[in-house]
PDB file of N, CA and C in Angstrom:
ATOM      1  N   MET A   1       3.785 -27.839   6.033  1.00  0.00           N
ATOM      2  CA  MET A   1       2.500 -27.715   5.370  1.00  0.00           C
ATOM      3  C   MET A   1       2.736 -27.416   3.890  1.00  0.00           C
ATOM      4  N   ALA A   2       2.079 -28.122   3.011  1.00  0.00           N
ATOM      5  CA  ALA A   2       2.242 -27.939   1.571  1.00  0.00           C
ATOM      6  C   ALA A   2       1.503 -26.688   1.109  1.00  0.00           C
ATOM      7  N   ARG A   3       2.103 -26.009   0.147  1.00  0.00           N
ATOM      8  CA  ARG A   3       1.467 -24.810  -0.412  1.00  0.00           C
ATOM      9  C   ARG A   3       0.465 -25.228  -1.465  1.00  0.00           C
ATOM     10  N   GLN A   4      -0.667 -24.635  -1.425  1.00  0.00           N
ATOM     11  CA  GLN A   4      -1.714 -24.942  -2.385  1.00  0.00           C
ATOM     12  C   GLN A   4      -1.627 -23.940  -3.534  1.00  0.00           C
ATOM     13  N   HIS A   5      -1.660 -24.458  -4.766  1.00  0.00           N
ATOM     14  CA  HIS A   5      -1.638 -23.587  -5.941  1.00  0.00           C
ATOM     15  C   HIS A   5      -3.048 -23.056  -6.164  1.00  0.00           C
ATOM     16  N   LEU A   6      -3.170 -21.734  -6.137  1.00  0.00           N
ATOM     17  CA  LEU A   6      -4.478 -21.120  -6.263  1.00  0.00           C
ATOM     18  C   LEU A   6      -4.753 -20.602  -7.667  1.00  0.00           C
ATOM     19  N   GLY A   7      -3.778 -20.682  -8.552  1.00  0.00           N
ATOM     20  CA  GLY A   7      -3.997 -20.204  -9.922  1.00  0.00           C
ATOM     21  C   GLY A   7      -4.054 -18.688  -9.979  1.00  0.00           C
ATOM     22  N   ASN A   8      -4.636 -18.192 -11.016  1.00  0.00           N
ATOM     23  CA  ASN A   8      -4.778 -16.758 -11.217  1.00  0.00           C
ATOM     24  C   ASN A   8      -6.048 -16.307 -10.511  1.00  0.00           C
ATOM     25  N   LEU A   9      -5.886 -15.668  -9.368  1.00  0.00           N
ATOM     26  CA  LEU A   9      -7.036 -15.274  -8.565  1.00  0.00           C
ATOM     27  C   LEU A   9      -7.800 -14.107  -9.175  1.00  0.00           C
ATOM     28  N   GLY A  10      -7.183 -13.386 -10.119  1.00  0.00           N
ATOM     29  CA  GLY A  10      -7.839 -12.244 -10.719  1.00  0.00           C
ATOM     30  C   GLY A  10      -8.749 -12.594 -11.880  1.00  0.00           C
ATOM     31  N   ALA A  11      -8.656 -13.820 -12.392  1.00  0.00           N
ATOM     32  CA  ALA A  11      -9.444 -14.206 -13.558  1.00  0.00           C
ATOM     33  C   ALA A  11     -10.614 -15.092 -13.135  1.00  0.00           C
ATOM     34  N   PRO A  12     -11.781 -14.844 -13.687  1.00  0.00           N
ATOM     35  CA  PRO A  12     -12.917 -15.718 -13.376  1.00  0.00           C
ATOM     36  C   PRO A  12     -12.641 -17.143 -13.849  1.00  0.00           C
ATOM     37  N   ALA A  13     -13.041 -18.118 -13.065  1.00  0.00           N
ATOM     38  CA  ALA A  13     -12.763 -19.513 -13.386  1.00  0.00           C
ATOM     39  C   ALA A  13     -13.523 -19.989 -14.616  1.00  0.00           C
ATOM     40  N   ASN A  14     -14.664 -19.415 -14.889  1.00  0.00           N
ATOM     41  CA  ASN A  14     -15.482 -19.900 -15.988  1.00  0.00           C
ATOM     42  C   ASN A  14     -15.317 -19.085 -17.274  1.00  0.00           C
ATOM     43  N   ARG A  15     -14.365 -18.186 -17.285  1.00  0.00           N
ATOM     44  CA  ARG A  15     -14.165 -17.333 -18.458  1.00  0.00           C
ATOM     45  C   ARG A  15     -13.444 -18.107 -19.555  1.00  0.00           C
ATOM     46  N   ARG A  16     -14.016 -18.098 -20.737  1.00  0.00           N
ATOM     47  CA  ARG A  16     -13.405 -18.775 -21.871  1.00  0.00           C
ATOM     48  C   ARG A  16     -13.259 -17.807 -23.019  1.00  0.00           C
ATOM     49  N   ARG A  17     -12.223 -17.999 -23.781  1.00  0.00           N
ATOM     50  CA  ARG A  17     -11.993 -17.163 -24.948  1.00  0.00           C
ATOM     51  C   ARG A  17     -12.986 -17.553 -26.036  1.00  0.00           C
ATOM     52  N   GLU A  18     -13.622 -16.563 -26.610  1.00  0.00           N
ATOM     53  CA  GLU A  18     -14.608 -16.806 -27.654  1.00  0.00           C
ATOM     54  C   GLU A  18     -13.931 -16.818 -29.019  1.00  0.00           C
ATOM     55  N   GLY A  19     -14.064 -17.895 -29.737  1.00  0.00           N
ATOM     56  CA  GLY A  19     -13.568 -17.968 -31.107  1.00  0.00           C
ATOM     57  C   GLY A  19     -12.057 -17.995 -31.219  1.00  0.00           C
ATOM     58  N   ASP A  20     -11.586 -17.847 -32.430  1.00  0.00           N
ATOM     59  CA  ASP A  20     -10.173 -17.889 -32.752  1.00  0.00           C
ATOM     60  C   ASP A  20      -9.632 -16.460 -32.827  1.00  0.00           C
ATOM     61  N   PRO A  21      -8.658 -16.103 -31.972  1.00  0.00           N
ATOM     62  CA  PRO A  21      -8.153 -14.731 -31.968  1.00  0.00           C
ATOM     63  C   PRO A  21      -7.519 -14.321 -33.310  1.00  0.00           C
ATOM     64  N   MET A  22      -6.862 -15.243 -33.994  1.00  0.00           N
ATOM     65  CA  MET A  22      -6.253 -14.907 -35.280  1.00  0.00           C
ATOM     66  C   MET A  22      -7.324 -14.623 -36.327  1.00  0.00           C
ATOM     67  N   SER A  23      -8.372 -15.381 -36.279  1.00  0.00           N
ATOM     68  CA  SER A  23      -9.494 -15.160 -37.186  1.00  0.00           C
ATOM     69  C   SER A  23     -10.144 -13.802 -36.913  1.00  0.00           C
ATOM     70  N   ALA A  24     -10.278 -13.465 -35.634  1.00  0.00           N
ATOM     71  CA  ALA A  24     -10.840 -12.173 -35.263  1.00  0.00           C
ATOM     72  C   ALA A  24      -9.929 -11.044 -35.739  1.00  0.00           C
ATOM     73  N   PHE A  25      -8.621 -11.233 -35.626  1.00  0.00           N
ATOM     74  CA  PHE A  25      -7.663 -10.233 -36.106  1.00  0.00           C
ATOM     75  C   PHE A  25      -7.804 -10.048 -37.619  1.00  0.00           C
ATOM     76  N   ASP A  26      -7.944 -11.143 -38.331  1.00  0.00           N
ATOM     77  CA  ASP A  26      -8.064 -11.077 -39.794  1.00  0.00           C
ATOM     78  C   ASP A  26      -9.318 -10.334 -40.241  1.00  0.00           C
ATOM     79  N   ARG A  27     -10.344 -10.316 -39.415  1.00  0.00           N
ATOM     80  CA  ARG A  27     -11.596  -9.628 -39.771  1.00  0.00           C
ATOM     81  C   ARG A  27     -11.573  -8.125 -39.451  1.00  0.00           C
ATOM     82  N   LEU A  28     -10.535  -7.655 -38.772  1.00  0.00           N
ATOM     83  CA  LEU A  28     -10.444  -6.243 -38.434  1.00  0.00           C
ATOM     84  C   LEU A  28     -10.236  -5.403 -39.697  1.00  0.00           C
ATOM     85  N   PRO A  29     -10.630  -4.128 -39.652  1.00  0.00           N
ATOM     86  CA  PRO A  29     -10.390  -3.242 -40.790  1.00  0.00           C
ATOM     87  C   PRO A  29      -8.886  -3.145 -41.078  1.00  0.00           C
ATOM     88  N   PRO A  30      -8.502  -3.055 -42.346  1.00  0.00           N
ATOM     89  CA  PRO A  30      -7.073  -3.018 -42.708  1.00  0.00           C
ATOM     90  C   PRO A  30      -6.287  -1.906 -42.004  1.00  0.00           C
ATOM     91  N   ASP A  31      -6.869  -0.722 -41.864  1.00  0.00           N
ATOM     92  CA  ASP A  31      -6.154   0.372 -41.188  1.00  0.00           C
ATOM     93  C   ASP A  31      -5.888   0.040 -39.723  1.00  0.00           C
ATOM     94  N   LEU A  32      -6.827  -0.609 -39.075  1.00  0.00           N
ATOM     95  CA  LEU A  32      -6.643  -0.999 -37.673  1.00  0.00           C
ATOM     96  C   LEU A  32      -5.598  -2.108 -37.566  1.00  0.00           C
ATOM     97  N   ARG A  33      -5.646  -3.077 -38.470  1.00  0.00           N
ATOM     98  CA  ARG A  33      -4.627  -4.148 -38.455  1.00  0.00           C
ATOM     99  C   ARG A  33      -3.238  -3.559 -38.634  1.00  0.00           C
ATOM    100  N   ALA A  34      -3.101  -2.591 -39.537  1.00  0.00           N
ATOM    101  CA  ALA A  34      -1.797  -1.955 -39.751  1.00  0.00           C
ATOM    102  C   ALA A  34      -1.334  -1.255 -38.476  1.00  0.00           C
ATOM    103  N   TRP A  35      -2.247  -0.567 -37.791  1.00  0.00           N
ATOM    104  CA  TRP A  35      -1.877   0.105 -36.555  1.00  0.00           C
ATOM    105  C   TRP A  35      -1.460  -0.908 -35.491  1.00  0.00           C
ATOM    106  N   LEU A  36      -2.200  -2.009 -35.366  1.00  0.00           N
ATOM    107  CA  LEU A  36      -1.890  -3.018 -34.355  1.00  0.00           C
ATOM    108  C   LEU A  36      -0.520  -3.644 -34.568  1.00  0.00           C
ATOM    109  N   CYS A  37      -0.071  -3.700 -35.810  1.00  0.00           N
ATOM    110  CA  CYS A  37       1.258  -4.266 -36.093  1.00  0.00           C
ATOM    111  C   CYS A  37       2.377  -3.420 -35.490  1.00  0.00           C
ATOM    112  N   THR A  38       2.104  -2.160 -35.215  1.00  0.00           N
ATOM    113  CA  THR A  38       3.118  -1.282 -34.627  1.00  0.00           C
ATOM    114  C   THR A  38       2.827  -0.964 -33.164  1.00  0.00           C
ATOM    115  N   ALA A  39       1.750  -1.503 -32.621  1.00  0.00           N
ATOM    116  CA  ALA A  39       1.356  -1.208 -31.241  1.00  0.00           C
ATOM    117  C   ALA A  39       2.389  -1.739 -30.254  1.00  0.00           C
ATOM    118  N   ALA A  40       2.576  -1.005 -29.167  1.00  0.00           N
ATOM    119  CA  ALA A  40       3.524  -1.412 -28.129  1.00  0.00           C
ATOM    120  C   ALA A  40       2.918  -2.413 -27.154  1.00  0.00           C
ATOM    121  N   LEU A  41       1.605  -2.393 -27.013  1.00  0.00           N
ATOM    122  CA  LEU A  41       0.919  -3.285 -26.081  1.00  0.00           C
ATOM    123  C   LEU A  41       0.129  -4.343 -26.846  1.00  0.00           C
ATOM    124  N   PRO A  42      -0.109  -5.486 -26.228  1.00  0.00           N
ATOM    125  CA  PRO A  42      -0.884  -6.549 -26.891  1.00  0.00           C
ATOM    126  C   PRO A  42      -2.391  -6.316 -26.754  1.00  0.00           C
ATOM    127  N   TRP A  43      -2.982  -5.682 -27.726  1.00  0.00           N
ATOM    128  CA  TRP A  43      -4.419  -5.414 -27.730  1.00  0.00           C
ATOM    129  C   TRP A  43      -5.158  -6.660 -28.181  1.00  0.00           C
ATOM    130  N   SER A  44      -6.297  -6.944 -27.570  1.00  0.00           N
ATOM    131  CA  SER A  44      -7.152  -8.008 -28.086  1.00  0.00           C
ATOM    132  C   SER A  44      -7.900  -7.436 -29.288  1.00  0.00           C
ATOM    133  N   PRO A  45      -8.238  -8.282 -30.256  1.00  0.00           N
ATOM    134  CA  PRO A  45      -9.002  -7.775 -31.404  1.00  0.00           C
ATOM    135  C   PRO A  45     -10.295  -7.079 -30.975  1.00  0.00           C
ATOM    136  N   ARG A  46     -10.939  -7.606 -29.966  1.00  0.00           N
ATOM    137  CA  ARG A  46     -12.206  -7.045 -29.509  1.00  0.00           C
ATOM    138  C   ARG A  46     -12.045  -5.638 -28.931  1.00  0.00           C
ATOM    139  N   SER A  47     -11.071  -5.458 -28.030  1.00  0.00           N
ATOM    140  CA  SER A  47     -10.884  -4.140 -27.428  1.00  0.00           C
ATOM    141  C   SER A  47     -10.333  -3.143 -28.446  1.00  0.00           C
ATOM    142  N   ALA A  48      -9.474  -3.612 -29.341  1.00  0.00           N
ATOM    143  CA  ALA A  48      -8.948  -2.723 -30.375  1.00  0.00           C
ATOM    144  C   ALA A  48     -10.060  -2.234 -31.288  1.00  0.00           C
ATOM    145  N   LEU A  49     -10.950  -3.124 -31.679  1.00  0.00           N
ATOM    146  CA  LEU A  49     -12.052  -2.744 -32.565  1.00  0.00           C
ATOM    147  C   LEU A  49     -13.001  -1.769 -31.871  1.00  0.00           C
ATOM    148  N   ARG A  50     -13.257  -2.008 -30.599  1.00  0.00           N
ATOM    149  CA  ARG A  50     -14.136  -1.106 -29.841  1.00  0.00           C
ATOM    150  C   ARG A  50     -13.534   0.296 -29.767  1.00  0.00           C
ATOM    151  N   ALA A  51     -12.236   0.395 -29.447  1.00  0.00           N
ATOM    152  CA  ALA A  51     -11.572   1.696 -29.371  1.00  0.00           C
ATOM    153  C   ALA A  51     -11.481   2.338 -30.760  1.00  0.00           C
ATOM    154  N   TRP A  52     -11.227   1.535 -31.786  1.00  0.00           N
ATOM    155  CA  TRP A  52     -11.128   2.038 -33.155  1.00  0.00           C
ATOM    156  C   TRP A  52     -12.455   2.640 -33.618  1.00  0.00           C
ATOM    157  N   ARG A  53     -13.530   1.918 -33.379  1.00  0.00           N
ATOM    158  CA  ARG A  53     -14.848   2.421 -33.794  1.00  0.00           C
ATOM    159  C   ARG A  53     -15.183   3.726 -33.088  1.00  0.00           C
ATOM    160  N   ARG A  54     -14.894   3.798 -31.806  1.00  0.00           N
ATOM    161  CA  ARG A  54     -15.166   5.015 -31.046  1.00  0.00           C
ATOM    162  C   ARG A  54     -14.313   6.171 -31.574  1.00  0.00           C
ATOM    163  N   ALA A  55     -13.033   5.907 -31.799  1.00  0.00           N
ATOM    164  CA  ALA A  55     -12.131   6.953 -32.302  1.00  0.00           C
ATOM    165  C   ALA A  55     -12.524   7.381 -33.712  1.00  0.00           C
ATOM    166  N   LEU A  56     -12.918   6.438 -34.531  1.00  0.00           N
ATOM    167  CA  LEU A  56     -13.316   6.753 -35.901  1.00  0.00           C
ATOM    168  C   LEU A  56     -14.605   7.569 -35.916  1.00  0.00           C
ATOM    169  N   GLN A  57     -15.518   7.237 -35.016  1.00  0.00           N
ATOM    170  CA  GLN A  57     -16.764   7.988 -34.921  1.00  0.00           C
ATOM    171  C   GLN A  57     -16.499   9.423 -34.462  1.00  0.00           C
ATOM    172  N   GLU A  58     -15.581   9.580 -33.528  1.00  0.00           N
ATOM    173  CA  GLU A  58     -15.277  10.911 -33.001  1.00  0.00           C
ATOM    174  C   GLU A  58     -14.473  11.763 -33.973  1.00  0.00           C
ATOM    175  N   THR A  59     -13.583  11.131 -34.736  1.00  0.00           N
ATOM    176  CA  THR A  59     -12.687  11.896 -35.598  1.00  0.00           C
ATOM    177  C   THR A  59     -13.125  11.913 -37.059  1.00  0.00           C
ATOM    178  N   GLY A  60     -13.781  10.842 -37.520  1.00  0.00           N
ATOM    179  CA  GLY A  60     -14.209  10.751 -38.904  1.00  0.00           C
ATOM    180  C   GLY A  60     -13.097  10.442 -39.888  1.00  0.00           C
ATOM    181  N   CYS A  61     -11.926  10.106 -39.390  1.00  0.00           N
ATOM    182  CA  CYS A  61     -10.762   9.896 -40.245  1.00  0.00           C
ATOM    183  C   CYS A  61      -9.912   8.755 -39.690  1.00  0.00           C
ATOM    184  N   ALA A  62      -9.514   7.817 -40.555  1.00  0.00           N
ATOM    185  CA  ALA A  62      -8.727   6.669 -40.103  1.00  0.00           C
ATOM    186  C   ALA A  62      -7.375   7.098 -39.537  1.00  0.00           C
ATOM    187  N   GLU A  63      -6.758   8.097 -40.143  1.00  0.00           N
ATOM    188  CA  GLU A  63      -5.450   8.565 -39.665  1.00  0.00           C
ATOM    189  C   GLU A  63      -5.580   9.187 -38.272  1.00  0.00           C
ATOM    190  N   ALA A  64      -6.610   9.971 -38.065  1.00  0.00           N
ATOM    191  CA  ALA A  64      -6.844  10.581 -36.751  1.00  0.00           C
ATOM    192  C   ALA A  64      -7.245   9.517 -35.732  1.00  0.00           C
ATOM    193  N   ALA A  65      -7.984   8.502 -36.160  1.00  0.00           N
ATOM    194  CA  ALA A  65      -8.366   7.416 -35.258  1.00  0.00           C
ATOM    195  C   ALA A  65      -7.121   6.654 -34.803  1.00  0.00           C
ATOM    196  N   ALA A  66      -6.199   6.416 -35.725  1.00  0.00           N
ATOM    197  CA  ALA A  66      -4.946   5.742 -35.367  1.00  0.00           C
ATOM    198  C   ALA A  66      -4.156   6.587 -34.370  1.00  0.00           C
ATOM    199  N   ALA A  67      -4.138   7.893 -34.572  1.00  0.00           N
ATOM    200  CA  ALA A  67      -3.452   8.779 -33.633  1.00  0.00           C
ATOM    201  C   ALA A  67      -4.113   8.731 -32.259  1.00  0.00           C
ATOM    202  N   ARG A  68      -5.434   8.623 -32.230  1.00  0.00           N
ATOM    203  CA  ARG A  68      -6.165   8.522 -30.964  1.00  0.00           C
ATOM    204  C   ARG A  68      -5.791   7.221 -30.245  1.00  0.00           C
ATOM    205  N   LEU A  69      -5.692   6.108 -30.974  1.00  0.00           N
ATOM    206  CA  LEU A  69      -5.294   4.842 -30.365  1.00  0.00           C
ATOM    207  C   LEU A  69      -3.867   4.919 -29.838  1.00  0.00           C
ATOM    208  N   THR A  70      -3.000   5.604 -30.544  1.00  0.00           N
ATOM    209  CA  THR A  70      -1.628   5.793 -30.074  1.00  0.00           C
ATOM    210  C   THR A  70      -1.630   6.584 -28.767  1.00  0.00           C
ATOM    211  N   ALA A  71      -2.480   7.590 -28.669  1.00  0.00           N
ATOM    212  CA  ALA A  71      -2.584   8.380 -27.434  1.00  0.00           C
ATOM    213  C   ALA A  71      -3.131   7.534 -26.284  1.00  0.00           C
ATOM    214  N   ILE A  72      -4.130   6.702 -26.573  1.00  0.00           N
ATOM    215  CA  ILE A  72      -4.684   5.806 -25.552  1.00  0.00           C
ATOM    216  C   ILE A  72      -3.598   4.870 -25.037  1.00  0.00           C
ATOM    217  N   GLU A  73      -2.832   4.317 -25.967  1.00  0.00           N
ATOM    218  CA  GLU A  73      -1.768   3.387 -25.608  1.00  0.00           C
ATOM    219  C   GLU A  73      -0.674   4.090 -24.796  1.00  0.00           C
ATOM    220  N   ALA A  74      -0.337   5.315 -25.174  1.00  0.00           N
ATOM    221  CA  ALA A  74       0.674   6.081 -24.425  1.00  0.00           C
ATOM    222  C   ALA A  74       0.208   6.315 -22.992  1.00  0.00           C
ATOM    223  N   GLY A  75      -1.069   6.589 -22.816  1.00  0.00           N
ATOM    224  CA  GLY A  75      -1.613   6.757 -21.472  1.00  0.00           C
ATOM    225  C   GLY A  75      -1.536   5.479 -20.652  1.00  0.00           C
ATOM    226  N   GLN A  76      -1.838   4.365 -21.298  1.00  0.00           N
ATOM    227  CA  GLN A  76      -1.754   3.080 -20.599  1.00  0.00           C
ATOM    228  C   GLN A  76      -0.310   2.781 -20.197  1.00  0.00           C
ATOM    229  N   LEU A  77       0.617   3.043 -21.091  1.00  0.00           N
ATOM    230  CA  LEU A  77       2.030   2.812 -20.785  1.00  0.00           C
ATOM    231  C   LEU A  77       2.504   3.713 -19.648  1.00  0.00           C
ATOM    232  N   ALA A  78       2.076   4.961 -19.651  1.00  0.00           N
ATOM    233  CA  ALA A  78       2.471   5.890 -18.593  1.00  0.00           C
ATOM    234  C   ALA A  78       1.944   5.435 -17.233  1.00  0.00           C
ATOM    235  N   ARG A  79       0.736   4.895 -17.210  1.00  0.00           N
ATOM    236  CA  ARG A  79       0.173   4.400 -15.942  1.00  0.00           C
ATOM    237  C   ARG A  79       0.862   3.126 -15.484  1.00  0.00           C
ATOM    238  N   GLN A  80       1.256   2.268 -16.413  1.00  0.00           N
ATOM    239  CA  GLN A  80       1.847   0.987 -16.051  1.00  0.00           C
ATOM    240  C   GLN A  80       3.341   1.070 -15.757  1.00  0.00           C
ATOM    241  N   ALA A  81       4.036   2.036 -16.302  1.00  0.00           N
ATOM    242  CA  ALA A  81       5.484   2.128 -16.174  1.00  0.00           C
ATOM    243  C   ALA A  81       5.973   2.117 -14.728  1.00  0.00           C
ATOM    244  N   PRO A  82       5.400   2.907 -13.823  1.00  0.00           N
ATOM    245  CA  PRO A  82       5.904   2.871 -12.436  1.00  0.00           C
ATOM    246  C   PRO A  82       5.775   1.491 -11.783  1.00  0.00           C
ATOM    247  N   ARG A  83       4.716   0.772 -12.092  1.00  0.00           N
ATOM    248  CA  ARG A  83       4.538  -0.563 -11.512  1.00  0.00           C
ATOM    249  C   ARG A  83       5.537  -1.551 -12.094  1.00  0.00           C
ATOM    250  N   VAL A  84       5.851  -1.389 -13.374  1.00  0.00           N
ATOM    251  CA  VAL A  84       6.750  -2.336 -14.046  1.00  0.00           C
ATOM    252  C   VAL A  84       8.211  -2.023 -13.771  1.00  0.00           C
ATOM    253  N   TRP A  85       8.601  -0.745 -13.935  1.00  0.00           N
ATOM    254  CA  TRP A  85      10.003  -0.378 -13.831  1.00  0.00           C
ATOM    255  C   TRP A  85      10.348   0.437 -12.606  1.00  0.00           C
ATOM    256  N   GLY A  86       9.387   0.737 -11.771  1.00  0.00           N
ATOM    257  CA  GLY A  86       9.658   1.533 -10.570  1.00  0.00           C
ATOM    258  C   GLY A  86       9.367   3.004 -10.807  1.00  0.00           C
ATOM    259  N   ALA A  87       9.230   3.737  -9.723  1.00  0.00           N
ATOM    260  CA  ALA A  87       8.837   5.141  -9.796  1.00  0.00           C
ATOM    261  C   ALA A  87       9.897   6.023 -10.444  1.00  0.00           C
ATOM    262  N   SER A  88      11.154   5.679 -10.329  1.00  0.00           N
ATOM    263  CA  SER A  88      12.189   6.522 -10.903  1.00  0.00           C
ATOM    264  C   SER A  88      12.511   6.016 -12.238  1.00  0.00           C
TER     265      SER A  88
END
């Protein structure tokens, strides 16, 4: 019996990327773009901007907002590490 390729079952079939991601990156605030250049994870411009705005609103300072994004990213890495590299 032949195996049927089912594709990525976790992604909606009708989901399309809106616009040009590089163009969206270019429109981000300069401080956020600088932070993204050093980020360990591949953030989408949309999610990065959403987290940046929230962090900036809470902290009132671009430097503190960048630190908040670094903390968010560290949390994501800590949660993903056991799945990627194993529990030990």
